[in-house]
Amino acid sequence: MHITTEDAKNLYFQMPKGHRSIRKLHKQLSEKYKGKKSIPSLTTLFRYSKEENWIEQSHQIDNQVSENTMQKIVEKKTIEMESASILNLASFV
């Protein structure tokens, strides 16, 4: 069995924002799968990351996640405020 560059890319995207590093990823894979699975070389990971624009893709994913999170927070706060308004109006009746 082996780890593909696609597997490595997905693992790279899963790394915490601000802590993504091809070198760290390669080191983690090397330590985790030493003697168990073959992994792409560091050179291969760098080549694929450049060709496929992993950094830009990870920024886009991070931005989308941030937008979705912010939207959920806004929706939750809106519902809370609407509920509070309804309760306030009900207390005056």
N, C-alpha and C. Protein backbone atom coordinates (compact mmCIF):
# COMPACT_ATOMS: atom_id res chain seq x y z
N MET A 1 0.85 -1.19 0.00
CA MET A 1 0.00 0.00 0.00
C MET A 1 0.88 1.24 0.00
N HIS A 2 0.31 2.32 -0.53
CA HIS A 2 1.06 3.54 -0.55
C HIS A 2 0.14 4.75 -0.41
N ILE A 3 0.72 5.85 0.02
CA ILE A 3 0.01 7.12 0.13
C ILE A 3 0.19 7.85 -1.20
N THR A 4 -0.91 8.25 -1.81
CA THR A 4 -0.83 8.96 -3.09
C THR A 4 -0.65 10.46 -2.85
N THR A 5 -0.32 11.16 -3.92
CA THR A 5 -0.20 12.62 -3.79
C THR A 5 -1.57 13.23 -3.47
N GLU A 6 -2.64 12.61 -3.96
CA GLU A 6 -3.99 13.09 -3.64
C GLU A 6 -4.27 12.91 -2.14
N ASP A 7 -3.86 11.78 -1.58
CA ASP A 7 -3.99 11.56 -0.14
C ASP A 7 -3.21 12.63 0.62
N ALA A 8 -1.99 12.89 0.15
CA ALA A 8 -1.12 13.88 0.81
C ALA A 8 -1.76 15.26 0.74
N LYS A 9 -2.36 15.60 -0.40
CA LYS A 9 -3.00 16.90 -0.55
C LYS A 9 -4.15 17.04 0.45
N ASN A 10 -4.96 16.00 0.56
CA ASN A 10 -6.08 16.05 1.50
C ASN A 10 -5.58 16.20 2.94
N LEU A 11 -4.52 15.51 3.27
CA LEU A 11 -3.93 15.63 4.61
C LEU A 11 -3.37 17.03 4.83
N TYR A 12 -2.77 17.60 3.78
CA TYR A 12 -2.25 18.96 3.85
C TYR A 12 -3.38 19.95 4.15
N PHE A 13 -4.51 19.79 3.46
CA PHE A 13 -5.65 20.69 3.69
C PHE A 13 -6.21 20.54 5.09
N GLN A 14 -6.06 19.35 5.68
CA GLN A 14 -6.58 19.10 7.02
C GLN A 14 -5.68 19.67 8.12
N MET A 15 -4.46 20.02 7.75
CA MET A 15 -3.55 20.59 8.74
C MET A 15 -4.13 21.93 9.21
N PRO A 16 -3.88 22.30 10.46
CA PRO A 16 -4.43 23.56 10.97
C PRO A 16 -3.94 24.77 10.17
N LYS A 17 -4.85 25.70 9.98
CA LYS A 17 -4.53 26.94 9.27
C LYS A 17 -3.35 27.62 9.97
N GLY A 18 -2.39 28.06 9.20
CA GLY A 18 -1.22 28.71 9.77
C GLY A 18 -0.11 27.74 10.14
N HIS A 19 -0.42 26.44 10.10
CA HIS A 19 0.58 25.42 10.46
C HIS A 19 0.80 24.44 9.32
N ARG A 20 0.31 24.80 8.14
CA ARG A 20 0.49 23.91 6.99
C ARG A 20 1.90 24.04 6.46
N SER A 21 2.50 22.91 6.19
CA SER A 21 3.85 22.88 5.66
C SER A 21 4.07 21.54 4.96
N ILE A 22 4.58 21.62 3.73
CA ILE A 22 4.86 20.40 2.98
C ILE A 22 5.92 19.59 3.73
N ARG A 23 6.93 20.27 4.26
CA ARG A 23 7.98 19.57 5.01
C ARG A 23 7.42 18.88 6.25
N LYS A 24 6.55 19.57 7.00
CA LYS A 24 5.94 18.96 8.19
C LYS A 24 5.08 17.76 7.79
N LEU A 25 4.33 17.93 6.71
CA LEU A 25 3.48 16.83 6.24
C LEU A 25 4.33 15.62 5.88
N HIS A 26 5.39 15.85 5.13
CA HIS A 26 6.26 14.75 4.73
C HIS A 26 6.88 14.07 5.96
N LYS A 27 7.30 14.87 6.92
CA LYS A 27 7.90 14.32 8.14
C LYS A 27 6.88 13.48 8.90
N GLN A 28 5.66 13.99 9.02
CA GLN A 28 4.61 13.25 9.73
C GLN A 28 4.30 11.93 9.03
N LEU A 29 4.19 11.98 7.71
CA LEU A 29 3.91 10.76 6.95
C LEU A 29 5.06 9.76 7.08
N SER A 30 6.29 10.27 7.01
CA SER A 30 7.47 9.41 7.13
C SER A 30 7.51 8.70 8.47
N GLU A 31 7.20 9.44 9.54
CA GLU A 31 7.22 8.86 10.88
C GLU A 31 6.06 7.89 11.09
N LYS A 32 4.89 8.27 10.61
CA LYS A 32 3.69 7.45 10.83
C LYS A 32 3.73 6.15 10.04
N TYR A 33 4.22 6.20 8.80
CA TYR A 33 4.16 5.03 7.94
C TYR A 33 5.51 4.40 7.66
N LYS A 34 6.49 4.70 8.48
CA LYS A 34 7.83 4.16 8.28
C LYS A 34 7.79 2.63 8.19
N GLY A 35 8.19 2.11 7.04
CA GLY A 35 8.22 0.68 6.82
C GLY A 35 6.87 0.03 6.58
N LYS A 36 5.78 0.81 6.66
CA LYS A 36 4.44 0.25 6.49
C LYS A 36 3.87 0.57 5.11
N LYS A 37 4.00 1.81 4.71
CA LYS A 37 3.46 2.25 3.42
C LYS A 37 4.49 3.13 2.74
N SER A 38 4.46 3.13 1.42
CA SER A 38 5.35 4.04 0.71
C SER A 38 4.65 5.40 0.60
N ILE A 39 5.43 6.45 0.71
CA ILE A 39 4.89 7.80 0.62
C ILE A 39 5.64 8.55 -0.48
N PRO A 40 4.99 9.58 -1.03
CA PRO A 40 5.67 10.38 -2.06
C PRO A 40 6.90 11.07 -1.46
N SER A 41 7.91 11.27 -2.28
CA SER A 41 9.11 11.97 -1.80
C SER A 41 8.78 13.44 -1.54
N LEU A 42 9.63 14.08 -0.78
CA LEU A 42 9.45 15.50 -0.51
C LEU A 42 9.46 16.29 -1.82
N THR A 43 10.35 15.94 -2.73
CA THR A 43 10.42 16.62 -4.03
C THR A 43 9.11 16.46 -4.79
N THR A 44 8.55 15.27 -4.77
CA THR A 44 7.28 15.01 -5.46
C THR A 44 6.16 15.85 -4.84
N LEU A 45 6.11 15.90 -3.52
CA LEU A 45 5.08 16.70 -2.86
C LEU A 45 5.22 18.18 -3.22
N PHE A 46 6.44 18.69 -3.23
CA PHE A 46 6.64 20.09 -3.61
C PHE A 46 6.21 20.32 -5.06
N ARG A 47 6.56 19.40 -5.94
CA ARG A 47 6.21 19.55 -7.35
C ARG A 47 4.69 19.57 -7.54
N TYR A 48 4.00 18.60 -6.93
CA TYR A 48 2.55 18.54 -7.07
C TYR A 48 1.88 19.74 -6.39
N SER A 49 2.39 20.14 -5.25
CA SER A 49 1.78 21.28 -4.57
C SER A 49 1.89 22.54 -5.42
N LYS A 50 2.99 22.68 -6.12
CA LYS A 50 3.17 23.85 -6.99
C LYS A 50 2.28 23.73 -8.23
N GLU A 51 2.29 22.57 -8.87
CA GLU A 51 1.49 22.37 -10.08
C GLU A 51 0.00 22.52 -9.82
N GLU A 52 -0.45 22.03 -8.67
CA GLU A 52 -1.88 22.04 -8.35
C GLU A 52 -2.29 23.21 -7.46
N ASN A 53 -1.34 24.07 -7.15
CA ASN A 53 -1.62 25.29 -6.37
C ASN A 53 -2.24 24.99 -5.00
N TRP A 54 -1.64 24.08 -4.25
CA TRP A 54 -2.18 23.70 -2.95
C TRP A 54 -2.35 24.88 -2.02
N ILE A 55 -1.40 25.80 -2.03
CA ILE A 55 -1.47 26.94 -1.10
C ILE A 55 -2.70 27.78 -1.40
N GLU A 56 -2.90 28.12 -2.67
CA GLU A 56 -4.07 28.91 -3.06
C GLU A 56 -5.35 28.15 -2.75
N GLN A 57 -5.37 26.87 -3.05
CA GLN A 57 -6.57 26.07 -2.76
C GLN A 57 -6.86 26.04 -1.26
N SER A 58 -5.83 25.92 -0.46
CA SER A 58 -6.04 25.88 0.99
C SER A 58 -6.57 27.21 1.50
N HIS A 59 -6.10 28.32 0.91
CA HIS A 59 -6.63 29.65 1.29
C HIS A 59 -8.10 29.76 0.91
N GLN A 60 -8.45 29.26 -0.26
CA GLN A 60 -9.86 29.29 -0.68
C GLN A 60 -10.73 28.46 0.24
N ILE A 61 -10.24 27.29 0.60
CA ILE A 61 -10.99 26.42 1.52
C ILE A 61 -11.14 27.10 2.88
N ASP A 62 -10.05 27.68 3.39
CA ASP A 62 -10.11 28.38 4.67
C ASP A 62 -11.11 29.52 4.64
N ASN A 63 -11.09 30.29 3.53
CA ASN A 63 -12.03 31.41 3.40
C ASN A 63 -13.47 30.93 3.35
N GLN A 64 -13.71 29.85 2.64
CA GLN A 64 -15.06 29.30 2.55
C GLN A 64 -15.54 28.80 3.92
N VAL A 65 -14.66 28.13 4.64
CA VAL A 65 -15.01 27.64 5.98
C VAL A 65 -15.31 28.83 6.90
N SER A 66 -14.49 29.87 6.82
CA SER A 66 -14.72 31.06 7.64
C SER A 66 -16.05 31.72 7.31
N GLU A 67 -16.35 31.83 6.02
CA GLU A 67 -17.62 32.42 5.60
C GLU A 67 -18.80 31.59 6.11
N ASN A 68 -18.71 30.28 5.96
CA ASN A 68 -19.79 29.40 6.43
C ASN A 68 -19.97 29.51 7.93
N THR A 69 -18.87 29.55 8.65
CA THR A 69 -18.93 29.67 10.11
C THR A 69 -19.56 31.00 10.51
N MET A 70 -19.13 32.08 9.86
CA MET A 70 -19.68 33.40 10.16
C MET A 70 -21.17 33.45 9.85
N GLN A 71 -21.57 32.85 8.74
CA GLN A 71 -22.99 32.82 8.36
C GLN A 71 -23.81 32.09 9.42
N LYS A 72 -23.29 30.97 9.92
CA LYS A 72 -24.02 30.22 10.95
C LYS A 72 -24.13 31.02 12.24
N ILE A 73 -23.06 31.74 12.58
CA ILE A 73 -23.09 32.57 13.79
C ILE A 73 -24.13 33.68 13.65
N VAL A 74 -24.14 34.32 12.49
CA VAL A 74 -25.10 35.39 12.23
C VAL A 74 -26.53 34.85 12.29
N GLU A 75 -26.76 33.71 11.67
CA GLU A 75 -28.09 33.12 11.69
C GLU A 75 -28.53 32.79 13.11
N LYS A 76 -27.61 32.24 13.90
CA LYS A 76 -27.93 31.89 15.29
C LYS A 76 -28.26 33.14 16.10
N LYS A 77 -27.45 34.19 15.93
CA LYS A 77 -27.69 35.44 16.66
C LYS A 77 -29.01 36.08 16.23
N THR A 78 -29.31 36.01 14.94
CA THR A 78 -30.56 36.57 14.44
C THR A 78 -31.75 35.87 15.07
N ILE A 79 -31.69 34.55 15.13
CA ILE A 79 -32.77 33.77 15.74
C ILE A 79 -32.90 34.12 17.23
N GLU A 80 -31.75 34.24 17.92
CA GLU A 80 -31.78 34.60 19.34
C GLU A 80 -32.41 35.98 19.54
N MET A 81 -32.04 36.93 18.69
CA MET A 81 -32.56 38.29 18.82
C MET A 81 -34.05 38.33 18.48
N GLU A 82 -34.48 37.59 17.47
CA GLU A 82 -35.90 37.53 17.14
C GLU A 82 -36.69 36.91 18.28
N SER A 83 -36.14 35.86 18.87
CA SER A 83 -36.83 35.20 20.00
C SER A 83 -36.94 36.15 21.18
N ALA A 84 -35.87 36.89 21.45
CA ALA A 84 -35.87 37.85 22.55
C ALA A 84 -36.88 38.96 22.28
N SER A 85 -36.98 39.42 21.04
CA SER A 85 -37.94 40.47 20.68
C SER A 85 -39.37 39.98 20.88
N ILE A 86 -39.62 38.75 20.46
CA ILE A 86 -40.97 38.19 20.60
C ILE A 86 -41.33 38.06 22.08
N LEU A 87 -40.36 37.62 22.90
CA LEU A 87 -40.62 37.49 24.34
C LEU A 87 -40.86 38.85 24.96
N ASN A 88 -40.11 39.86 24.54
CA ASN A 88 -40.32 41.22 25.06
C ASN A 88 -41.69 41.74 24.69
N LEU A 89 -42.10 41.53 23.45
CA LEU A 89 -43.42 41.97 23.01
C LEU A 89 -44.51 41.23 23.77
N ALA A 90 -44.31 39.96 23.99
CA ALA A 90 -45.30 39.14 24.70
C ALA A 90 -45.45 39.60 26.15
N SER A 91 -44.38 40.10 26.75
CA SER A 91 -44.46 40.53 28.15
C SER A 91 -45.25 41.82 28.29
N PHE A 92 -45.39 42.59 27.22
CA PHE A 92 -46.16 43.83 27.26
C PHE A 92 -47.65 43.60 27.03
N VAL A 93 -48.00 42.41 26.57
CA VAL A 93 -49.41 42.13 26.25
C VAL A 93 -50.15 41.68 27.46
